[in-house]
């Protein structure tokens, strides 16, 4: 399993905005099924964020902006995964 598959959950998602109404509905149902795995990806990105935040707090010199920027990107990815998961959960229960 490549490292990208371990951290990037959106590779298998289908475009639910293209095609006929039936194709869009099928793609949306498929994406909702894939969303069940998003909490695992969320935990991975949270762990990476925590490690990078710790690294930026204990590092010094030129490494502080590098680890700080990496933490910001990882935290944004965490928020994005949480947003997609919550959005698909909300529509699933409706």
PDB file of N, CA and C in Angstrom:
ATOM      1  N   UNK A   1       0.842  -1.174   0.000  1.00  0.00           N
ATOM      2  CA  UNK A   1       0.000   0.000   0.000  1.00  0.00           C
ATOM      3  C   UNK A   1       0.893   1.246   0.000  1.00  0.00           C
ATOM      4  N   UNK A   2       0.807   2.058  -1.041  1.00  0.00           N
ATOM      5  CA  UNK A   2       1.629   3.273  -1.079  1.00  0.00           C
ATOM      6  C   UNK A   2       1.244   4.241   0.038  1.00  0.00           C
ATOM      7  N   UNK A   3       2.184   5.070   0.400  1.00  0.00           N
ATOM      8  CA  UNK A   3       1.971   6.028   1.478  1.00  0.00           C
ATOM      9  C   UNK A   3       0.846   7.010   1.145  1.00  0.00           C
ATOM     10  N   UNK A   4       0.692   7.345  -0.115  1.00  0.00           N
ATOM     11  CA  UNK A   4      -0.371   8.277  -0.505  1.00  0.00           C
ATOM     12  C   UNK A   4      -1.747   7.689  -0.209  1.00  0.00           C
ATOM     13  N   UNK A   5      -1.911   6.390  -0.382  1.00  0.00           N
ATOM     14  CA  UNK A   5      -3.193   5.751  -0.079  1.00  0.00           C
ATOM     15  C   UNK A   5      -3.472   5.741   1.418  1.00  0.00           C
ATOM     16  N   UNK A   6      -2.439   5.773   2.209  1.00  0.00           N
ATOM     17  CA  UNK A   6      -2.600   5.759   3.660  1.00  0.00           C
ATOM     18  C   UNK A   6      -3.085   7.105   4.187  1.00  0.00           C
ATOM     19  N   UNK A   7      -2.734   8.193   3.478  1.00  0.00           N
ATOM     20  CA  UNK A   7      -3.078   9.527   3.953  1.00  0.00           C
ATOM     21  C   UNK A   7      -4.100  10.272   3.089  1.00  0.00           C
ATOM     22  N   UNK A   8      -4.339   9.851   1.856  1.00  0.00           N
ATOM     23  CA  UNK A   8      -5.243  10.584   0.974  1.00  0.00           C
ATOM     24  C   UNK A   8      -6.528   9.784   0.755  1.00  0.00           C
ATOM     25  N   UNK A   9      -7.631  10.195   1.386  1.00  0.00           N
ATOM     26  CA  UNK A   9      -8.858   9.401   1.317  1.00  0.00           C
ATOM     27  C   UNK A   9      -9.697   9.639   0.071  1.00  0.00           C
ATOM     28  N   UNK A  10      -9.412  10.662  -0.703  1.00  0.00           N
ATOM     29  CA  UNK A  10     -10.328  11.073  -1.757  1.00  0.00           C
ATOM     30  C   UNK A  10      -9.996  10.523  -3.142  1.00  0.00           C
ATOM     31  N   UNK A  11      -9.059   9.619  -3.244  1.00  0.00           N
ATOM     32  CA  UNK A  11      -8.668   9.096  -4.554  1.00  0.00           C
ATOM     33  C   UNK A  11      -9.773   8.260  -5.198  1.00  0.00           C
ATOM     34  N   UNK A  12     -10.550   7.541  -4.409  1.00  0.00           N
ATOM     35  CA  UNK A  12     -11.568   6.666  -4.966  1.00  0.00           C
ATOM     36  C   UNK A  12     -12.935   7.285  -5.122  1.00  0.00           C
ATOM     37  N   UNK A  13     -13.083   8.550  -4.733  1.00  0.00           N
ATOM     38  CA  UNK A  13     -14.392   9.188  -4.816  1.00  0.00           C
ATOM     39  C   UNK A  13     -14.768   9.473  -6.265  1.00  0.00           C
ATOM     40  N   UNK A  14     -16.054   9.455  -6.525  1.00  0.00           N
ATOM     41  CA  UNK A  14     -16.571   9.726  -7.864  1.00  0.00           C
ATOM     42  C   UNK A  14     -17.187  11.114  -7.908  1.00  0.00           C
ATOM     43  N   UNK A  15     -17.226  11.685  -9.103  1.00  0.00           N
ATOM     44  CA  UNK A  15     -17.804  13.010  -9.307  1.00  0.00           C
ATOM     45  C   UNK A  15     -19.323  12.893  -9.303  1.00  0.00           C
ATOM     46  N   UNK A  16     -19.958  13.468  -8.295  1.00  0.00           N
ATOM     47  CA  UNK A  16     -21.416  13.401  -8.181  1.00  0.00           C
ATOM     48  C   UNK A  16     -22.083  14.599  -8.841  1.00  0.00           C
ATOM     49  N   UNK A  17     -21.328  15.395  -9.582  1.00  0.00           N
ATOM     50  CA  UNK A  17     -21.889  16.550 -10.279  1.00  0.00           C
ATOM     51  C   UNK A  17     -21.983  16.341 -11.778  1.00  0.00           C
ATOM     52  N   UNK A  18     -21.535  15.198 -12.274  1.00  0.00           N
ATOM     53  CA  UNK A  18     -21.526  14.963 -13.716  1.00  0.00           C
ATOM     54  C   UNK A  18     -22.413  13.768 -14.058  1.00  0.00           C
ATOM     55  N   UNK A  19     -22.990  13.816 -15.244  1.00  0.00           N
ATOM     56  CA  UNK A  19     -23.807  12.712 -15.719  1.00  0.00           C
ATOM     57  C   UNK A  19     -25.293  12.969 -15.520  1.00  0.00           C
ATOM     58  N   UNK A  20     -26.055  11.938 -15.802  1.00  0.00           N
ATOM     59  CA  UNK A  20     -27.500  12.045 -15.639  1.00  0.00           C
ATOM     60  C   UNK A  20     -27.859  12.043 -14.160  1.00  0.00           C
ATOM     61  N   UNK A  21     -29.122  12.271 -13.889  1.00  0.00           N
ATOM     62  CA  UNK A  21     -29.565  12.312 -12.494  1.00  0.00           C
ATOM     63  C   UNK A  21     -29.345  10.966 -11.816  1.00  0.00           C
ATOM     64  N   UNK A  22     -29.563   9.885 -12.532  1.00  0.00           N
ATOM     65  CA  UNK A  22     -29.357   8.547 -11.989  1.00  0.00           C
ATOM     66  C   UNK A  22     -27.875   8.278 -11.721  1.00  0.00           C
ATOM     67  N   UNK A  23     -27.009   8.708 -12.640  1.00  0.00           N
ATOM     68  CA  UNK A  23     -25.568   8.531 -12.445  1.00  0.00           C
ATOM     69  C   UNK A  23     -25.054   9.365 -11.271  1.00  0.00           C
ATOM     70  N   UNK A  24     -25.566  10.567 -11.129  1.00  0.00           N
ATOM     71  CA  UNK A  24     -25.163  11.413 -10.002  1.00  0.00           C
ATOM     72  C   UNK A  24     -25.606  10.798  -8.682  1.00  0.00           C
ATOM     73  N   UNK A  25     -26.807  10.243  -8.642  1.00  0.00           N
ATOM     74  CA  UNK A  25     -27.299   9.612  -7.412  1.00  0.00           C
ATOM     75  C   UNK A  25     -26.463   8.382  -7.066  1.00  0.00           C
ATOM     76  N   UNK A  26     -26.088   7.595  -8.082  1.00  0.00           N
ATOM     77  CA  UNK A  26     -25.260   6.409  -7.842  1.00  0.00           C
ATOM     78  C   UNK A  26     -23.871   6.813  -7.337  1.00  0.00           C
ATOM     79  N   UNK A  27     -23.292   7.864  -7.915  1.00  0.00           N
ATOM     80  CA  UNK A  27     -21.985   8.330  -7.471  1.00  0.00           C
ATOM     81  C   UNK A  27     -22.065   8.864  -6.045  1.00  0.00           C
ATOM     82  N   UNK A  28     -23.146   9.541  -5.714  1.00  0.00           N
ATOM     83  CA  UNK A  28     -23.300  10.074  -4.364  1.00  0.00           C
ATOM     84  C   UNK A  28     -23.444   8.955  -3.341  1.00  0.00           C
ATOM     85  N   UNK A  29     -24.207   7.916  -3.677  1.00  0.00           N
ATOM     86  CA  UNK A  29     -24.329   6.765  -2.774  1.00  0.00           C
ATOM     87  C   UNK A  29     -22.985   6.078  -2.599  1.00  0.00           C
ATOM     88  N   UNK A  30     -22.242   5.952  -3.678  1.00  0.00           N
ATOM     89  CA  UNK A  30     -20.916   5.348  -3.609  1.00  0.00           C
ATOM     90  C   UNK A  30     -19.992   6.166  -2.706  1.00  0.00           C
ATOM     91  N   UNK A  31     -20.040   7.481  -2.836  1.00  0.00           N
ATOM     92  CA  UNK A  31     -19.209   8.357  -2.003  1.00  0.00           C
ATOM     93  C   UNK A  31     -19.606   8.264  -0.537  1.00  0.00           C
ATOM     94  N   UNK A  32     -20.887   8.121  -0.261  1.00  0.00           N
ATOM     95  CA  UNK A  32     -21.330   7.962   1.131  1.00  0.00           C
ATOM     96  C   UNK A  32     -20.795   6.665   1.719  1.00  0.00           C
ATOM     97  N   UNK A  33     -20.717   5.613   0.899  1.00  0.00           N
ATOM     98  CA  UNK A  33     -20.155   4.353   1.398  1.00  0.00           C
ATOM     99  C   UNK A  33     -18.668   4.518   1.701  1.00  0.00           C
ATOM    100  N   UNK A  34     -17.957   5.232   0.856  1.00  0.00           N
ATOM    101  CA  UNK A  34     -16.532   5.461   1.102  1.00  0.00           C
ATOM    102  C   UNK A  34     -16.304   6.335   2.329  1.00  0.00           C
ATOM    103  N   UNK A  35     -17.272   7.180   2.650  1.00  0.00           N
ATOM    104  CA  UNK A  35     -17.117   8.102   3.783  1.00  0.00           C
ATOM    105  C   UNK A  35     -17.057   7.367   5.118  1.00  0.00           C
ATOM    106  N   UNK A  36     -17.427   6.119   5.145  1.00  0.00           N
ATOM    107  CA  UNK A  36     -17.330   5.356   6.401  1.00  0.00           C
ATOM    108  C   UNK A  36     -15.892   5.204   6.861  1.00  0.00           C
ATOM    109  N   UNK A  37     -14.941   5.287   5.943  1.00  0.00           N
ATOM    110  CA  UNK A  37     -13.522   5.157   6.297  1.00  0.00           C
ATOM    111  C   UNK A  37     -12.891   6.486   6.687  1.00  0.00           C
ATOM    112  N   UNK A  38     -13.607   7.596   6.536  1.00  0.00           N
ATOM    113  CA  UNK A  38     -13.016   8.906   6.821  1.00  0.00           C
ATOM    114  C   UNK A  38     -12.579   9.106   8.270  1.00  0.00           C
ATOM    115  N   UNK A  39     -13.262   8.551   9.287  1.00  0.00           N
ATOM    116  CA  UNK A  39     -12.737   8.724  10.650  1.00  0.00           C
ATOM    117  C   UNK A  39     -11.329   8.162  10.845  1.00  0.00           C
ATOM    118  N   UNK A  40     -10.995   7.092  10.144  1.00  0.00           N
ATOM    119  CA  UNK A  40      -9.629   6.550  10.247  1.00  0.00           C
ATOM    120  C   UNK A  40      -8.615   7.545   9.668  1.00  0.00           C
ATOM    121  N   UNK A  41      -8.957   8.129   8.521  1.00  0.00           N
ATOM    122  CA  UNK A  41      -8.073   9.139   7.928  1.00  0.00           C
ATOM    123  C   UNK A  41      -8.008  10.380   8.818  1.00  0.00           C
ATOM    124  N   UNK A  42      -9.109  10.728   9.429  1.00  0.00           N
ATOM    125  CA  UNK A  42      -9.139  11.869  10.336  1.00  0.00           C
ATOM    126  C   UNK A  42      -8.190  11.644  11.508  1.00  0.00           C
ATOM    127  N   UNK A  43      -8.193  10.447  12.065  1.00  0.00           N
ATOM    128  CA  UNK A  43      -7.275  10.124  13.164  1.00  0.00           C
ATOM    129  C   UNK A  43      -5.819  10.194  12.715  1.00  0.00           C
ATOM    130  N   UNK A  44      -5.539   9.734  11.514  1.00  0.00           N
ATOM    131  CA  UNK A  44      -4.157   9.785  11.002  1.00  0.00           C
ATOM    132  C   UNK A  44      -3.681  11.221  10.872  1.00  0.00           C
ATOM    133  N   UNK A  45      -4.528  12.080  10.282  1.00  0.00           N
ATOM    134  CA  UNK A  45      -4.135  13.466  10.096  1.00  0.00           C
ATOM    135  C   UNK A  45      -4.064  14.211  11.426  1.00  0.00           C
ATOM    136  N   UNK A  46      -4.911  13.849  12.387  1.00  0.00           N
ATOM    137  CA  UNK A  46      -4.802  14.449  13.714  1.00  0.00           C
ATOM    138  C   UNK A  46      -3.482  14.076  14.369  1.00  0.00           C
ATOM    139  N   UNK A  47      -3.071  12.838  14.216  1.00  0.00           N
ATOM    140  CA  UNK A  47      -1.787  12.407  14.776  1.00  0.00           C
ATOM    141  C   UNK A  47      -0.632  13.152  14.118  1.00  0.00           C
ATOM    142  N   UNK A  48      -0.684  13.303  12.801  1.00  0.00           N
ATOM    143  CA  UNK A  48       0.369  14.054  12.101  1.00  0.00           C
ATOM    144  C   UNK A  48       0.373  15.503  12.567  1.00  0.00           C
ATOM    145  N   UNK A  49      -0.808  16.090  12.729  1.00  0.00           N
ATOM    146  CA  UNK A  49      -0.894  17.477  13.202  1.00  0.00           C
ATOM    147  C   UNK A  49      -0.292  17.627  14.592  1.00  0.00           C
ATOM    148  N   UNK A  50      -0.604  16.693  15.469  1.00  0.00           N
ATOM    149  CA  UNK A  50      -0.046  16.762  16.828  1.00  0.00           C
ATOM    150  C   UNK A  50       1.476  16.634  16.814  1.00  0.00           C
ATOM    151  N   UNK A  51       1.989  15.725  16.008  1.00  0.00           N
ATOM    152  CA  UNK A  51       3.443  15.570  15.921  1.00  0.00           C
ATOM    153  C   UNK A  51       4.107  16.823  15.371  1.00  0.00           C
ATOM    154  N   UNK A  52       3.503  17.423  14.349  1.00  0.00           N
ATOM    155  CA  UNK A  52       4.094  18.625  13.761  1.00  0.00           C
ATOM    156  C   UNK A  52       3.986  19.827  14.692  1.00  0.00           C
ATOM    157  N   UNK A  53       2.903  19.921  15.443  1.00  0.00           N
ATOM    158  CA  UNK A  53       2.782  21.006  16.412  1.00  0.00           C
ATOM    159  C   UNK A  53       3.841  20.856  17.506  1.00  0.00           C
ATOM    160  N   UNK A  54       4.027  19.645  17.974  1.00  0.00           N
ATOM    161  CA  UNK A  54       5.065  19.393  18.979  1.00  0.00           C
ATOM    162  C   UNK A  54       6.444  19.715  18.410  1.00  0.00           C
ATOM    163  N   UNK A  55       6.678  19.304  17.173  1.00  0.00           N
ATOM    164  CA  UNK A  55       7.969  19.580  16.539  1.00  0.00           C
ATOM    165  C   UNK A  55       8.200  21.076  16.381  1.00  0.00           C
ATOM    166  N   UNK A  56       7.148  21.822  16.052  1.00  0.00           N
ATOM    167  CA  UNK A  56       7.337  23.271  15.891  1.00  0.00           C
ATOM    168  C   UNK A  56       7.540  23.965  17.236  1.00  0.00           C
ATOM    169  N   UNK A  57       7.018  23.388  18.310  1.00  0.00           N
ATOM    170  CA  UNK A  57       7.211  23.985  19.637  1.00  0.00           C
ATOM    171  C   UNK A  57       8.610  23.729  20.180  1.00  0.00           C
ATOM    172  N   UNK A  58       9.171  22.579  19.893  1.00  0.00           N
ATOM    173  CA  UNK A  58      10.480  22.240  20.467  1.00  0.00           C
ATOM    174  C   UNK A  58      11.642  22.563  19.529  1.00  0.00           C
ATOM    175  N   UNK A  59      11.363  22.886  18.280  1.00  0.00           N
ATOM    176  CA  UNK A  59      12.456  23.187  17.353  1.00  0.00           C
ATOM    177  C   UNK A  59      12.879  24.644  17.500  1.00  0.00           C
ATOM    178  N   UNK A  60      14.010  24.953  16.915  1.00  0.00           N
ATOM    179  CA  UNK A  60      14.528  26.313  16.985  1.00  0.00           C
ATOM    180  C   UNK A  60      15.173  26.668  15.652  1.00  0.00           C
ATOM    181  N   UNK A  61      15.355  27.936  15.454  1.00  0.00           N
ATOM    182  CA  UNK A  61      16.040  28.403  14.256  1.00  0.00           C
ATOM    183  C   UNK A  61      15.170  28.323  13.020  1.00  0.00           C
ATOM    184  N   UNK A  62      15.781  27.930  11.919  1.00  0.00           N
ATOM    185  CA  UNK A  62      15.094  27.898  10.636  1.00  0.00           C
ATOM    186  C   UNK A  62      14.039  26.803  10.558  1.00  0.00           C
ATOM    187  N   UNK A  63      14.067  25.841  11.481  1.00  0.00           N
ATOM    188  CA  UNK A  63      13.118  24.721  11.440  1.00  0.00           C
ATOM    189  C   UNK A  63      11.724  25.118  11.928  1.00  0.00           C
ATOM    190  N   UNK A  64      11.609  26.188  12.697  1.00  0.00           N
ATOM    191  CA  UNK A  64      10.315  26.606  13.245  1.00  0.00           C
ATOM    192  C   UNK A  64       9.321  26.964  12.135  1.00  0.00           C
ATOM    193  N   UNK A  65       9.678  27.801  11.154  1.00  0.00           N
ATOM    194  CA  UNK A  65       8.688  28.098  10.117  1.00  0.00           C
ATOM    195  C   UNK A  65       8.348  26.892   9.246  1.00  0.00           C
ATOM    196  N   UNK A  66       9.293  25.997   9.058  1.00  0.00           N
ATOM    197  CA  UNK A  66       9.033  24.810   8.243  1.00  0.00           C
ATOM    198  C   UNK A  66       8.027  23.895   8.930  1.00  0.00           C
ATOM    199  N   UNK A  67       8.265  23.603  10.197  1.00  0.00           N
ATOM    200  CA  UNK A  67       7.344  22.724  10.917  1.00  0.00           C
ATOM    201  C   UNK A  67       6.014  23.427  11.178  1.00  0.00           C
ATOM    202  N   UNK A  68       6.044  24.732  11.375  1.00  0.00           N
ATOM    203  CA  UNK A  68       4.801  25.480  11.555  1.00  0.00           C
ATOM    204  C   UNK A  68       3.935  25.464  10.309  1.00  0.00           C
ATOM    205  N   UNK A  69       4.572  25.626   9.148  1.00  0.00           N
ATOM    206  CA  UNK A  69       3.834  25.562   7.885  1.00  0.00           C
ATOM    207  C   UNK A  69       3.302  24.163   7.636  1.00  0.00           C
ATOM    208  N   UNK A  70       4.101  23.153   7.915  1.00  0.00           N
ATOM    209  CA  UNK A  70       3.643  21.777   7.749  1.00  0.00           C
ATOM    210  C   UNK A  70       2.476  21.472   8.685  1.00  0.00           C
ATOM    211  N   UNK A  71       2.552  21.978   9.921  1.00  0.00           N
ATOM    212  CA  UNK A  71       1.431  21.798  10.850  1.00  0.00           C
ATOM    213  C   UNK A  71       0.168  22.455  10.314  1.00  0.00           C
ATOM    214  N   UNK A  72       0.294  23.665   9.784  1.00  0.00           N
ATOM    215  CA  UNK A  72      -0.871  24.366   9.246  1.00  0.00           C
ATOM    216  C   UNK A  72      -1.518  23.578   8.118  1.00  0.00           C
ATOM    217  N   UNK A  73      -0.718  23.043   7.224  1.00  0.00           N
ATOM    218  CA  UNK A  73      -1.260  22.245   6.118  1.00  0.00           C
ATOM    219  C   UNK A  73      -1.927  20.971   6.616  1.00  0.00           C
ATOM    220  N   UNK A  74      -1.303  20.307   7.584  1.00  0.00           N
ATOM    221  CA  UNK A  74      -1.888  19.077   8.122  1.00  0.00           C
ATOM    222  C   UNK A  74      -3.184  19.366   8.861  1.00  0.00           C
ATOM    223  N   UNK A  75      -3.224  20.475   9.585  1.00  0.00           N
ATOM    224  CA  UNK A  75      -4.445  20.830  10.306  1.00  0.00           C
ATOM    225  C   UNK A  75      -5.569  21.196   9.343  1.00  0.00           C
ATOM    226  N   UNK A  76      -5.232  21.881   8.254  1.00  0.00           N
ATOM    227  CA  UNK A  76      -6.239  22.196   7.231  1.00  0.00           C
ATOM    228  C   UNK A  76      -6.775  20.918   6.593  1.00  0.00           C
ATOM    229  N   UNK A  77      -5.920  19.944   6.361  1.00  0.00           N
ATOM    230  CA  UNK A  77      -6.373  18.664   5.814  1.00  0.00           C
ATOM    231  C   UNK A  77      -7.292  17.963   6.807  1.00  0.00           C
ATOM    232  N   UNK A  78      -6.976  18.042   8.087  1.00  0.00           N
ATOM    233  CA  UNK A  78      -7.831  17.462   9.122  1.00  0.00           C
ATOM    234  C   UNK A  78      -9.214  18.105   9.089  1.00  0.00           C
ATOM    235  N   UNK A  79      -9.252  19.419   9.002  1.00  0.00           N
ATOM    236  CA  UNK A  79     -10.535  20.122   8.939  1.00  0.00           C
ATOM    237  C   UNK A  79     -11.313  19.767   7.675  1.00  0.00           C
ATOM    238  N   UNK A  80     -10.615  19.615   6.569  1.00  0.00           N
ATOM    239  CA  UNK A  80     -11.275  19.263   5.311  1.00  0.00           C
ATOM    240  C   UNK A  80     -11.896  17.871   5.385  1.00  0.00           C
ATOM    241  N   UNK A  81     -11.178  16.917   5.906  1.00  0.00           N
ATOM    242  CA  UNK A  81     -11.712  15.557   6.037  1.00  0.00           C
ATOM    243  C   UNK A  81     -12.908  15.560   6.977  1.00  0.00           C
ATOM    244  N   UNK A  82     -12.813  16.291   8.087  1.00  0.00           N
ATOM    245  CA  UNK A  82     -13.936  16.361   9.020  1.00  0.00           C
ATOM    246  C   UNK A  82     -15.148  17.003   8.368  1.00  0.00           C
ATOM    247  N   UNK A  83     -14.932  18.026   7.562  1.00  0.00           N
ATOM    248  CA  UNK A  83     -16.040  18.685   6.873  1.00  0.00           C
ATOM    249  C   UNK A  83     -16.730  17.740   5.891  1.00  0.00           C
ATOM    250  N   UNK A  84     -15.950  17.033   5.093  1.00  0.00           N
ATOM    251  CA  UNK A  84     -16.538  16.096   4.127  1.00  0.00           C
ATOM    252  C   UNK A  84     -17.288  14.993   4.854  1.00  0.00           C
ATOM    253  N   UNK A  85     -16.705  14.472   5.913  1.00  0.00           N
ATOM    254  CA  UNK A  85     -17.369  13.393   6.658  1.00  0.00           C
ATOM    255  C   UNK A  85     -18.685  13.870   7.259  1.00  0.00           C
ATOM    256  N   UNK A  86     -18.674  15.044   7.886  1.00  0.00           N
ATOM    257  CA  UNK A  86     -19.895  15.580   8.471  1.00  0.00           C
ATOM    258  C   UNK A  86     -20.945  15.885   7.399  1.00  0.00           C
ATOM    259  N   UNK A  87     -20.513  16.385   6.274  1.00  0.00           N
ATOM    260  CA  UNK A  87     -21.448  16.698   5.198  1.00  0.00           C
ATOM    261  C   UNK A  87     -22.113  15.433   4.668  1.00  0.00           C
ATOM    262  N   UNK A  88     -21.332  14.388   4.480  1.00  0.00           N
ATOM    263  CA  UNK A  88     -21.906  13.150   3.957  1.00  0.00           C
ATOM    264  C   UNK A  88     -22.739  12.436   5.029  1.00  0.00           C
ATOM    265  N   UNK A  89     -22.397  12.580   6.297  1.00  0.00           N
ATOM    266  CA  UNK A  89     -23.206  12.002   7.355  1.00  0.00           C
ATOM    267  C   UNK A  89     -24.544  12.713   7.481  1.00  0.00           C
ATOM    268  N   UNK A  90     -24.521  14.020   7.327  1.00  0.00           N
ATOM    269  CA  UNK A  90     -25.754  14.795   7.444  1.00  0.00           C
ATOM    270  C   UNK A  90     -26.726  14.406   6.340  1.00  0.00           C
ATOM    271  N   UNK A  91     -26.221  14.246   5.132  1.00  0.00           N
ATOM    272  CA  UNK A  91     -27.089  13.885   4.008  1.00  0.00           C
ATOM    273  C   UNK A  91     -27.526  12.431   4.074  1.00  0.00           C
ATOM    274  N   UNK A  92     -26.722  11.613   4.741  1.00  0.00           N
ATOM    275  CA  UNK A  92     -27.091  10.188   4.864  1.00  0.00           C
ATOM    276  C   UNK A  92     -28.296  10.026   5.764  1.00  0.00           C
ATOM    277  N   UNK A  93     -28.386  10.790   6.840  1.00  0.00           N
ATOM    278  CA  UNK A  93     -29.474  10.629   7.782  1.00  0.00           C
ATOM    279  C   UNK A  93     -30.747  11.325   7.302  1.00  0.00           C
ATOM    280  N   UNK A  94     -30.635  12.192   6.313  1.00  0.00           N
ATOM    281  CA  UNK A  94     -31.811  12.911   5.835  1.00  0.00           C
ATOM    282  C   UNK A  94     -32.671  12.072   4.940  1.00  0.00           C
TER     283      UNK A  94
END
